[in-house]
């Protein structure tokens, strides 16, 4: 007879999922940029999405699909977590499988798919911000001092992501885009947003600002009870 995992093991598995999302998100921009430089020499693509058209395509698609699967598995204090996780999962897979519009001779189909890609990317970043500002800050009972510190980290991360979204819109203004084209501002802003969300998930997975053992045990017991 197979033995059911205990509450402690379930909590550890769930924390591992959070850390996995954080590690993939935090590392993805650097892996894409450095990997492509190793293969083809110095230079950045104009955005993270354009790495779909490089030899790093499988890394780009696989990482986003993995994030999507992990987000689909998230559970939290109420249905908002499940809904946000499900939507973020769909958006992440959309970004991965619906490539951005190519530079050279795009067809009308390429343009439609590219528009769907941009829509998925914008909604994904907005969902990332929602996770940080609204969902990650929830707690059961009285928050510990470390939990209050983590909440400050989540809010800072959420506002950074929103700022990146706004600045991406600004740098797409034709005059500004032409002036900053050589700097690749969209890549840097997307990278900052993705890495910030990854950092928030690493914090959520207790790699950063972990509670004292006694407090953590109580929090894990409460989480296990909720997921039971």
Foldseek 3Di string as FASTA:
>chain_A
DDDDDDLVVVLLVLLVLLLLLLVLLQCVLVCLQVVQCVVPNDDDDLASLVSCVPPCLCSQLVSLLSNLVSLCPDDADDCVSNVLSNLLSVLSNLLSPQGAQDDPDGDVVSNVSNVSNVVSVLVNLLSLLCCLQPVLLDADDDDDPLSVVLNVLSNVLSVLSVVLSVVLVVCPPVVNVVVCVRVSSNHVSSSSNSNSSSVNSNVSSVPPSHDDPVVVVVRSVVVSVSVD
